N, C-alpha and C. Protein backbone atom coordinates (compact mmCIF):
# COMPACT_ATOMS: atom_id res chain seq x y z
N MET A 1 0.75 -1.33 -0.07
CA MET A 1 -0.09 -0.13 -0.07
C MET A 1 0.92 1.19 -0.07
N ILE A 2 0.77 2.13 -0.83
CA ILE A 2 1.38 3.41 -1.02
C ILE A 2 0.59 4.39 -0.37
N SER A 3 1.34 5.29 0.67
CA SER A 3 0.67 6.19 1.47
C SER A 3 0.65 7.28 0.47
N LYS A 4 -0.34 8.29 0.72
CA LYS A 4 -0.76 9.47 0.10
C LYS A 4 0.66 10.44 0.03
N LYS A 5 1.42 10.55 1.23
CA LYS A 5 2.50 11.08 1.56
C LYS A 5 3.63 10.75 0.41
N HIS A 6 3.72 9.41 0.29
CA HIS A 6 4.66 8.82 -0.79
C HIS A 6 4.28 9.36 -1.86
N LEU A 7 3.00 9.27 -2.11
CA LEU A 7 2.49 9.45 -3.84
C LEU A 7 2.59 10.95 -3.93
N ASP A 8 2.47 11.91 -2.92
CA ASP A 8 2.57 13.35 -3.34
C ASP A 8 4.11 13.69 -3.59
N VAL A 9 5.21 13.07 -2.50
CA VAL A 9 6.27 13.03 -2.96
C VAL A 9 6.88 12.49 -4.50
N LEU A 10 6.32 11.61 -4.49
CA LEU A 10 6.57 10.72 -6.03
C LEU A 10 6.34 11.89 -7.11
N LYS A 11 5.20 12.49 -6.82
CA LYS A 11 4.42 13.39 -8.01
C LYS A 11 5.60 14.62 -8.15
N LYS A 12 6.04 14.96 -7.02
CA LYS A 12 7.02 16.26 -6.96
C LYS A 12 8.36 15.67 -8.21
N ILE A 13 8.61 14.53 -7.63
CA ILE A 13 9.97 14.03 -8.39
C ILE A 13 9.71 13.88 -9.75
N TYR A 14 8.44 13.30 -9.86
CA TYR A 14 7.92 13.04 -11.61
C TYR A 14 7.92 14.37 -12.15
N ASN A 15 7.22 15.23 -11.71
CA ASN A 15 6.94 16.53 -12.35
C ASN A 15 8.19 16.99 -12.73
N GLN A 16 9.03 16.99 -11.96
CA GLN A 16 10.50 17.68 -12.05
C GLN A 16 11.57 16.91 -13.15
N LEU A 17 11.33 15.51 -12.98
CA LEU A 17 12.34 14.79 -14.07
C LEU A 17 11.65 14.44 -15.42
N LYS A 18 10.31 14.20 -15.37
CA LYS A 18 9.65 14.03 -16.65
C LYS A 18 10.25 14.50 -17.96
N ASP A 19 10.48 15.67 -17.81
CA ASP A 19 10.84 16.35 -19.15
C ASP A 19 12.37 16.67 -19.03
N LYS A 20 13.20 16.08 -18.20
CA LYS A 20 14.73 16.46 -18.12
C LYS A 20 15.27 14.93 -19.14
N ASN A 21 16.44 15.24 -19.47
CA ASN A 21 17.12 14.21 -20.21
C ASN A 21 17.82 13.54 -19.00
N ILE A 22 17.08 12.86 -18.16
CA ILE A 22 17.78 12.05 -17.27
C ILE A 22 17.39 10.45 -17.27
N ASN A 23 18.17 9.48 -17.10
CA ASN A 23 17.60 8.20 -16.97
C ASN A 23 17.47 7.90 -15.61
N TRP A 24 16.35 7.42 -15.21
CA TRP A 24 16.04 7.49 -14.03
C TRP A 24 14.81 6.24 -13.77
N VAL A 25 14.80 5.55 -12.49
CA VAL A 25 14.00 4.41 -12.15
C VAL A 25 13.37 4.51 -10.70
N VAL A 26 12.35 4.51 -10.28
CA VAL A 26 12.07 4.17 -8.89
C VAL A 26 12.61 2.48 -8.61
N THR A 27 13.15 2.18 -7.64
CA THR A 27 13.40 1.08 -7.45
C THR A 27 13.18 0.63 -5.48
N GLY A 28 13.68 -0.69 -5.27
CA GLY A 28 12.98 -0.63 -3.98
C GLY A 28 11.65 -0.92 -3.48
N SER A 29 11.22 -0.71 -2.49
CA SER A 29 10.08 -1.22 -1.81
C SER A 29 8.76 -0.17 -2.58
N LEU A 30 8.97 1.10 -2.90
CA LEU A 30 8.40 1.77 -3.70
C LEU A 30 8.20 1.02 -5.03
N GLY A 31 9.12 0.82 -5.59
CA GLY A 31 9.14 0.18 -6.73
C GLY A 31 8.39 -0.98 -6.99
N PHE A 32 8.54 -1.96 -5.82
CA PHE A 32 7.70 -3.10 -5.47
C PHE A 32 6.19 -2.61 -5.42
N ALA A 33 5.88 -1.90 -4.80
CA ALA A 33 4.61 -1.51 -4.47
C ALA A 33 3.88 -1.06 -5.75
N LEU A 34 4.51 -0.19 -6.32
CA LEU A 34 3.69 0.30 -7.78
C LEU A 34 3.52 -0.80 -8.83
N GLN A 35 4.13 -2.04 -8.55
CA GLN A 35 4.01 -3.33 -9.46
C GLN A 35 3.12 -4.17 -8.63
N GLY A 36 2.70 -3.76 -7.46
CA GLY A 36 1.57 -4.66 -7.18
C GLY A 36 1.90 -5.81 -5.64
N VAL A 37 3.24 -5.55 -5.44
CA VAL A 37 3.67 -6.44 -4.44
C VAL A 37 3.22 -5.81 -3.14
N PRO A 38 2.78 -6.47 -2.28
CA PRO A 38 2.20 -5.80 -1.07
C PRO A 38 3.08 -5.51 0.13
N VAL A 39 3.90 -4.41 -0.10
CA VAL A 39 4.80 -3.92 1.16
C VAL A 39 4.35 -2.41 1.08
N GLU A 40 5.01 -2.07 2.28
CA GLU A 40 4.77 -0.72 2.72
C GLU A 40 5.82 -0.02 2.38
N PRO A 41 6.03 0.78 1.51
CA PRO A 41 7.60 1.63 1.59
C PRO A 41 7.50 2.65 2.62
N ASN A 42 8.93 2.75 2.95
CA ASN A 42 9.35 3.75 4.04
C ASN A 42 10.08 4.86 3.46
N ASP A 43 10.49 4.90 2.18
CA ASP A 43 11.54 5.85 1.85
C ASP A 43 11.32 5.69 -0.18
N ILE A 44 11.70 6.36 -0.53
CA ILE A 44 11.86 6.47 -1.91
C ILE A 44 13.41 6.23 -2.56
N ASP A 45 13.53 5.24 -3.40
CA ASP A 45 14.77 5.10 -3.78
C ASP A 45 14.85 4.94 -5.52
N ILE A 46 15.64 6.32 -5.88
CA ILE A 46 15.76 6.53 -7.29
C ILE A 46 16.92 5.97 -7.82
N GLN A 47 17.21 5.11 -8.80
CA GLN A 47 18.33 4.88 -9.43
C GLN A 47 18.50 5.06 -10.73
N THR A 48 19.72 5.71 -10.93
CA THR A 48 20.22 6.63 -12.20
C THR A 48 21.82 6.37 -12.36
N ASP A 49 22.14 7.04 -13.69
CA ASP A 49 23.60 6.88 -13.78
C ASP A 49 24.20 7.76 -12.91
N LYS A 50 25.68 7.88 -13.03
CA LYS A 50 26.32 8.90 -12.32
C LYS A 50 26.06 10.39 -12.55
N LYS A 51 26.07 10.95 -13.94
CA LYS A 51 25.63 12.13 -14.25
C LYS A 51 24.11 12.33 -13.67
N GLY A 52 23.37 11.56 -13.94
CA GLY A 52 21.76 11.54 -13.30
C GLY A 52 21.63 12.05 -11.88
N ALA A 53 22.66 11.37 -11.09
CA ALA A 53 22.38 11.22 -9.88
C ALA A 53 22.92 12.80 -9.24
N TYR A 54 24.08 13.60 -9.73
CA TYR A 54 24.28 14.81 -9.50
C TYR A 54 23.19 15.83 -10.10
N GLU A 55 22.68 15.47 -11.13
CA GLU A 55 21.50 16.27 -11.73
C GLU A 55 20.28 16.52 -10.81
N ILE A 56 19.92 15.03 -10.46
CA ILE A 56 18.86 15.19 -9.57
C ILE A 56 19.29 15.84 -8.24
N GLU A 57 20.48 15.61 -7.59
CA GLU A 57 20.69 16.41 -6.38
C GLU A 57 20.40 18.08 -6.85
N HIS A 58 21.14 18.24 -7.84
CA HIS A 58 20.99 19.92 -8.40
C HIS A 58 19.67 20.18 -8.53
N ILE A 59 18.68 19.35 -8.98
CA ILE A 59 17.15 19.96 -8.95
C ILE A 59 16.68 20.04 -7.74
N PHE A 60 16.85 19.23 -6.98
CA PHE A 60 16.34 19.06 -5.44
C PHE A 60 17.26 19.54 -4.38
N SER A 61 18.15 20.49 -4.90
CA SER A 61 18.96 20.97 -3.87
C SER A 61 18.57 21.70 -2.51
N GLU A 62 17.43 22.27 -2.47
CA GLU A 62 16.89 22.40 -1.61
C GLU A 62 16.41 21.55 -0.37
N PHE A 63 16.41 20.32 -0.89
CA PHE A 63 16.08 19.00 -0.03
C PHE A 63 17.49 18.43 0.48
N THR A 64 18.23 18.53 -0.20
CA THR A 64 19.54 17.76 0.30
C THR A 64 19.96 17.51 1.53
N THR A 65 19.95 16.45 2.37
CA THR A 65 20.67 16.40 3.37
C THR A 65 22.13 15.38 3.51
N LYS A 66 22.04 15.01 2.28
CA LYS A 66 23.44 14.08 2.17
C LYS A 66 23.98 14.52 0.87
N ARG A 67 24.83 15.08 0.35
CA ARG A 67 25.34 15.30 -0.97
C ARG A 67 25.98 14.05 -1.59
N VAL A 68 25.12 13.98 -2.97
CA VAL A 68 26.01 12.83 -3.85
C VAL A 68 27.22 12.80 -3.65
N ARG A 69 27.74 11.38 -3.35
CA ARG A 69 29.46 11.32 -3.64
C ARG A 69 29.56 9.88 -3.86
N PHE A 70 30.68 9.52 -4.26
CA PHE A 70 30.79 8.14 -4.71
C PHE A 70 30.98 7.58 -3.18
N SER A 71 30.15 6.43 -3.11
CA SER A 71 30.23 5.55 -1.78
C SER A 71 30.37 4.49 -2.12
N SER A 72 30.90 3.42 -1.34
CA SER A 72 31.34 1.77 -1.46
C SER A 72 31.19 1.12 0.01
N THR A 73 30.39 -0.28 0.03
CA THR A 73 30.32 -0.87 0.90
C THR A 73 31.30 -2.21 0.17
N GLU A 74 30.99 -3.37 0.89
CA GLU A 74 31.68 -4.51 0.67
C GLU A 74 31.08 -5.10 -0.56
N LYS A 75 29.75 -4.75 -0.55
CA LYS A 75 28.93 -5.47 -1.65
C LYS A 75 28.27 -4.62 -2.82
N ILE A 76 28.17 -3.46 -2.35
CA ILE A 76 27.57 -2.46 -3.44
C ILE A 76 28.35 -1.14 -3.20
N ARG A 77 28.68 -0.59 -4.70
CA ARG A 77 29.01 0.67 -4.63
C ARG A 77 28.12 2.03 -5.57
N SER A 78 28.14 3.17 -5.26
CA SER A 78 27.20 4.01 -6.34
C SER A 78 27.70 5.63 -6.11
N HIS A 79 27.38 6.26 -6.63
CA HIS A 79 27.05 7.77 -6.39
C HIS A 79 25.83 8.02 -5.48
N PHE A 80 26.04 8.20 -4.42
CA PHE A 80 24.88 8.20 -3.61
C PHE A 80 24.67 9.40 -2.86
N GLY A 81 23.51 9.78 -2.55
CA GLY A 81 23.24 10.86 -1.98
C GLY A 81 21.38 10.77 -1.08
N GLU A 82 21.23 11.85 -0.48
CA GLU A 82 19.88 11.64 0.13
C GLU A 82 19.21 12.99 0.08
N LEU A 83 18.08 12.97 -0.02
CA LEU A 83 16.89 14.11 0.12
C LEU A 83 16.05 13.87 1.09
N VAL A 84 15.40 15.01 1.68
CA VAL A 84 14.11 14.47 2.36
C VAL A 84 13.13 15.60 1.95
N ILE A 85 12.00 15.13 1.40
CA ILE A 85 11.07 16.01 0.52
C ILE A 85 9.65 15.63 1.55
N ASP A 86 9.27 16.73 2.15
CA ASP A 86 7.93 16.53 3.09
C ASP A 86 8.19 15.46 3.87
N GLY A 87 9.15 15.35 4.50
CA GLY A 87 9.33 14.34 5.46
C GLY A 87 9.58 12.85 5.10
N ILE A 88 9.66 12.65 3.72
CA ILE A 88 9.82 11.28 3.08
C ILE A 88 11.37 11.25 2.79
N LYS A 89 12.10 10.59 3.00
CA LYS A 89 13.53 10.30 2.53
C LYS A 89 13.68 9.80 1.24
N VAL A 90 14.56 10.43 0.22
CA VAL A 90 14.75 9.93 -0.91
C VAL A 90 16.15 9.59 -1.08
N GLU A 91 16.33 8.57 -1.44
CA GLU A 91 17.56 8.05 -1.74
C GLU A 91 18.08 8.13 -3.01
N ILE A 92 19.22 8.79 -3.66
CA ILE A 92 19.54 8.82 -5.15
C ILE A 92 20.57 7.96 -5.21
N MET A 93 20.65 6.83 -6.03
CA MET A 93 22.04 6.04 -6.48
C MET A 93 22.17 5.98 -8.12
N GLY A 94 23.76 6.39 -8.41
CA GLY A 94 23.92 6.65 -9.78
C GLY A 94 24.77 5.58 -9.83
N ASP A 95 24.70 4.76 -11.08
CA ASP A 95 25.88 3.99 -11.72
C ASP A 95 26.07 2.59 -10.43
N ILE A 96 25.23 2.05 -9.95
CA ILE A 96 25.15 1.15 -9.02
C ILE A 96 25.91 0.02 -9.57
N GLN A 97 27.06 -0.55 -8.46
CA GLN A 97 27.60 -1.59 -9.30
C GLN A 97 27.76 -2.90 -7.91
N LYS A 98 27.38 -4.18 -8.00
CA LYS A 98 27.33 -4.97 -7.19
C LYS A 98 28.81 -5.64 -7.49
N ARG A 99 29.45 -6.36 -6.40
CA ARG A 99 30.51 -7.07 -6.13
C ARG A 99 30.22 -8.33 -6.41
N LEU A 100 31.03 -8.95 -7.51
CA LEU A 100 30.71 -10.29 -7.88
C LEU A 100 31.30 -11.36 -6.73
N GLU A 101 31.03 -12.70 -7.35
CA GLU A 101 31.71 -13.66 -6.45
C GLU A 101 33.13 -13.66 -6.53
N ASP A 102 33.69 -13.14 -7.38
CA ASP A 102 35.12 -13.48 -7.92
C ASP A 102 35.88 -12.25 -7.38
N GLY A 103 34.97 -11.39 -6.72
CA GLY A 103 35.74 -10.03 -6.04
C GLY A 103 35.46 -8.63 -7.12
N ASN A 104 35.50 -9.09 -8.27
CA ASN A 104 35.44 -7.75 -9.01
C ASN A 104 34.22 -7.43 -9.11
N TRP A 105 34.11 -6.04 -9.83
CA TRP A 105 32.56 -5.33 -9.67
C TRP A 105 31.94 -5.59 -10.97
N GLU A 106 30.97 -5.53 -11.11
CA GLU A 106 30.19 -5.64 -12.13
C GLU A 106 29.80 -4.48 -13.12
N ASP A 107 29.51 -4.46 -14.08
CA ASP A 107 29.35 -3.23 -14.69
C ASP A 107 28.33 -2.25 -14.00
N PRO A 108 28.19 -0.81 -14.38
CA PRO A 108 27.21 -0.19 -13.75
C PRO A 108 25.96 -0.91 -14.61
N VAL A 109 24.68 -0.92 -13.72
CA VAL A 109 23.66 -1.55 -14.45
C VAL A 109 22.86 -0.57 -15.41
N ASN A 110 22.60 -1.03 -16.57
CA ASN A 110 22.00 -0.57 -17.79
C ASN A 110 20.49 -0.65 -17.42
N LEU A 111 20.10 0.43 -16.99
CA LEU A 111 18.60 0.64 -16.71
C LEU A 111 17.68 0.29 -17.73
N ASP A 112 17.98 0.85 -18.92
CA ASP A 112 16.83 0.49 -20.22
C ASP A 112 16.60 -0.92 -20.37
N CYS A 113 17.57 -1.67 -20.00
CA CYS A 113 17.38 -3.36 -20.00
C CYS A 113 16.26 -3.90 -19.15
N TYR A 114 16.17 -3.00 -17.96
CA TYR A 114 15.15 -3.62 -16.99
C TYR A 114 14.27 -2.70 -16.87
N LYS A 115 13.84 -1.33 -17.43
CA LYS A 115 12.91 -0.65 -17.19
C LYS A 115 11.64 -0.94 -17.22
N ARG A 116 10.55 -0.40 -16.65
CA ARG A 116 9.19 -0.98 -17.18
C ARG A 116 8.60 0.18 -16.60
N PHE A 117 7.23 0.77 -17.11
CA PHE A 117 6.61 1.73 -16.73
C PHE A 117 5.17 1.44 -16.12
N VAL A 118 5.07 2.02 -14.97
CA VAL A 118 3.75 1.74 -14.32
C VAL A 118 2.80 3.17 -14.25
N GLU A 119 1.78 2.93 -14.64
CA GLU A 119 0.69 4.29 -14.59
C GLU A 119 -0.03 4.16 -13.26
N ILE A 120 0.06 5.19 -12.64
CA ILE A 120 -0.49 5.56 -11.50
C ILE A 120 -1.00 7.24 -11.42
N GLU A 121 -1.97 7.46 -11.19
CA GLU A 121 -2.57 8.96 -11.14
C GLU A 121 -2.07 9.70 -12.52
N LYS A 122 -2.20 9.17 -13.55
CA LYS A 122 -1.67 9.88 -14.69
C LYS A 122 -0.35 10.25 -14.87
N MET A 123 0.50 9.54 -14.08
CA MET A 123 1.94 9.72 -14.34
C MET A 123 2.33 8.30 -14.84
N LYS A 124 3.58 8.24 -15.77
CA LYS A 124 4.13 7.13 -15.83
C LYS A 124 5.38 6.77 -15.33
N ILE A 125 5.40 6.07 -14.35
CA ILE A 125 6.58 6.12 -13.22
C ILE A 125 7.40 4.81 -14.09
N PRO A 126 8.83 5.16 -14.19
CA PRO A 126 9.82 4.19 -14.51
C PRO A 126 9.93 3.32 -13.10
N VAL A 127 10.15 2.05 -13.61
CA VAL A 127 10.52 1.23 -12.00
C VAL A 127 11.69 -0.29 -12.76
N LEU A 128 12.12 -0.67 -11.86
CA LEU A 128 12.91 -1.77 -12.66
C LEU A 128 12.15 -2.96 -12.21
N SER A 129 12.09 -4.25 -13.49
CA SER A 129 11.44 -5.33 -13.27
C SER A 129 11.56 -5.89 -12.01
N LEU A 130 10.36 -6.69 -11.70
CA LEU A 130 10.57 -7.33 -10.56
C LEU A 130 11.58 -8.60 -10.42
N GLU A 131 11.62 -9.21 -11.62
CA GLU A 131 12.61 -10.33 -11.73
C GLU A 131 14.05 -9.53 -11.92
N TYR A 132 14.36 -8.42 -12.49
CA TYR A 132 15.79 -8.13 -12.17
C TYR A 132 16.01 -7.63 -10.86
N GLU A 133 14.83 -7.14 -9.89
CA GLU A 133 15.04 -7.07 -8.42
C GLU A 133 15.30 -8.05 -7.76
N TYR A 134 14.76 -9.08 -7.94
CA TYR A 134 14.86 -10.72 -7.37
C TYR A 134 16.46 -10.89 -7.48
N GLN A 135 17.13 -10.73 -9.02
CA GLN A 135 18.20 -11.13 -9.16
C GLN A 135 19.49 -10.48 -8.16
N ALA A 136 18.98 -8.95 -8.14
CA ALA A 136 19.95 -7.95 -7.59
C ALA A 136 19.82 -8.10 -5.93
N TYR A 137 18.76 -8.48 -5.47
CA TYR A 137 18.80 -8.97 -4.15
C TYR A 137 19.23 -10.21 -3.57
N LEU A 138 19.43 -10.97 -4.50
CA LEU A 138 20.06 -12.13 -4.25
C LEU A 138 21.65 -11.79 -4.15
N LYS A 139 22.16 -11.14 -5.37
CA LYS A 139 23.48 -10.93 -5.62
C LYS A 139 23.81 -10.21 -4.12
N LEU A 140 23.18 -9.62 -3.74
CA LEU A 140 23.33 -8.58 -2.63
C LEU A 140 23.31 -9.53 -1.01
N GLY A 141 22.92 -10.67 -1.24
CA GLY A 141 22.72 -11.49 0.01
C GLY A 141 21.42 -11.17 0.79
N ARG A 142 20.70 -10.22 0.25
CA ARG A 142 19.15 -9.92 0.89
C ARG A 142 18.12 -11.19 0.73
N VAL A 143 18.09 -12.00 1.12
CA VAL A 143 17.44 -13.39 0.89
C VAL A 143 16.14 -13.13 1.23
N GLU A 144 15.87 -12.61 2.24
CA GLU A 144 14.43 -12.25 2.70
C GLU A 144 13.75 -11.36 1.64
N LYS A 145 14.09 -10.36 1.01
CA LYS A 145 13.66 -9.29 0.09
C LYS A 145 13.56 -10.37 -1.18
N ALA A 146 14.54 -11.17 -1.49
CA ALA A 146 14.61 -11.84 -2.75
C ALA A 146 13.45 -13.23 -2.49
N LYS A 147 13.48 -13.34 -1.46
CA LYS A 147 12.14 -14.47 -1.45
C LYS A 147 10.88 -13.89 -1.47
N LEU A 148 10.52 -12.71 -0.75
CA LEU A 148 9.31 -12.04 -1.05
C LEU A 148 8.86 -11.61 -2.33
N LEU A 149 10.26 -11.27 -3.29
CA LEU A 149 9.92 -11.12 -4.60
C LEU A 149 9.62 -12.61 -5.54
N ARG A 150 10.26 -13.26 -5.12
CA ARG A 150 10.23 -14.68 -5.90
C ARG A 150 8.45 -15.39 -5.76
N ASP A 151 8.46 -14.98 -4.32
CA ASP A 151 7.13 -15.90 -3.90
C ASP A 151 5.86 -14.98 -4.83
N TRP A 152 5.89 -13.78 -4.72
CA TRP A 152 5.32 -12.79 -5.37
C TRP A 152 5.24 -13.01 -7.01
N LEU A 153 6.23 -13.46 -7.48
CA LEU A 153 6.31 -13.39 -8.88
C LEU A 153 5.71 -14.74 -9.22
N ASN A 154 5.84 -15.66 -8.44
CA ASN A 154 5.44 -17.10 -8.85
C ASN A 154 3.95 -17.17 -8.76
N LYS A 155 3.29 -16.22 -7.76
CA LYS A 155 1.87 -16.11 -7.67
C LYS A 155 1.30 -15.36 -8.68
N ASN A 156 1.91 -14.34 -9.26
CA ASN A 156 1.64 -13.21 -10.48
C ASN A 156 2.77 -13.53 -11.80
N PRO A 157 2.72 -14.80 -12.37
CA PRO A 157 3.62 -15.02 -13.68
C PRO A 157 3.49 -14.07 -14.42
N GLU A 158 2.23 -13.22 -14.76
CA GLU A 158 2.06 -12.36 -15.82
C GLU A 158 2.89 -11.08 -15.65
N VAL A 159 3.60 -10.90 -14.60
CA VAL A 159 4.36 -9.88 -14.03
C VAL A 159 5.80 -10.24 -14.10
N SER A 160 6.61 -9.62 -14.54
CA SER A 160 8.43 -9.75 -14.43
C SER A 160 8.74 -8.28 -14.00
């Protein structure tokens, strides 16, 4: 279930980005919820490329709580920043790379390969396919989220 507050912030993001030349998608729990998975989003995750991460930060500069910068953990790295818009945390992630089993980093995700559009309240919101999200969560070792997605996909085979 998507709260009105999340939807209102999503509208603000969509209205600012829809006519810009930025390749972006909604990912994480809001992306799942937009595609029908029964989860309650806590925040809004925006995935883009490196250039897009810095452009989105610039567009929403008045809401920046953590400036976009290159950030890395053991399993994932990206150009990462945070906004807070009307009390909702918005995470920006550009050129995400996940560490492979051999220790190397995969190439940044090509969003166009996995991008789908969901229509809600006269908006066409770009999201990542749930099959891709399932694979990504498995690679990150986030087994519970991966299982949630696999179970939902098995019950809803028309969605990927």
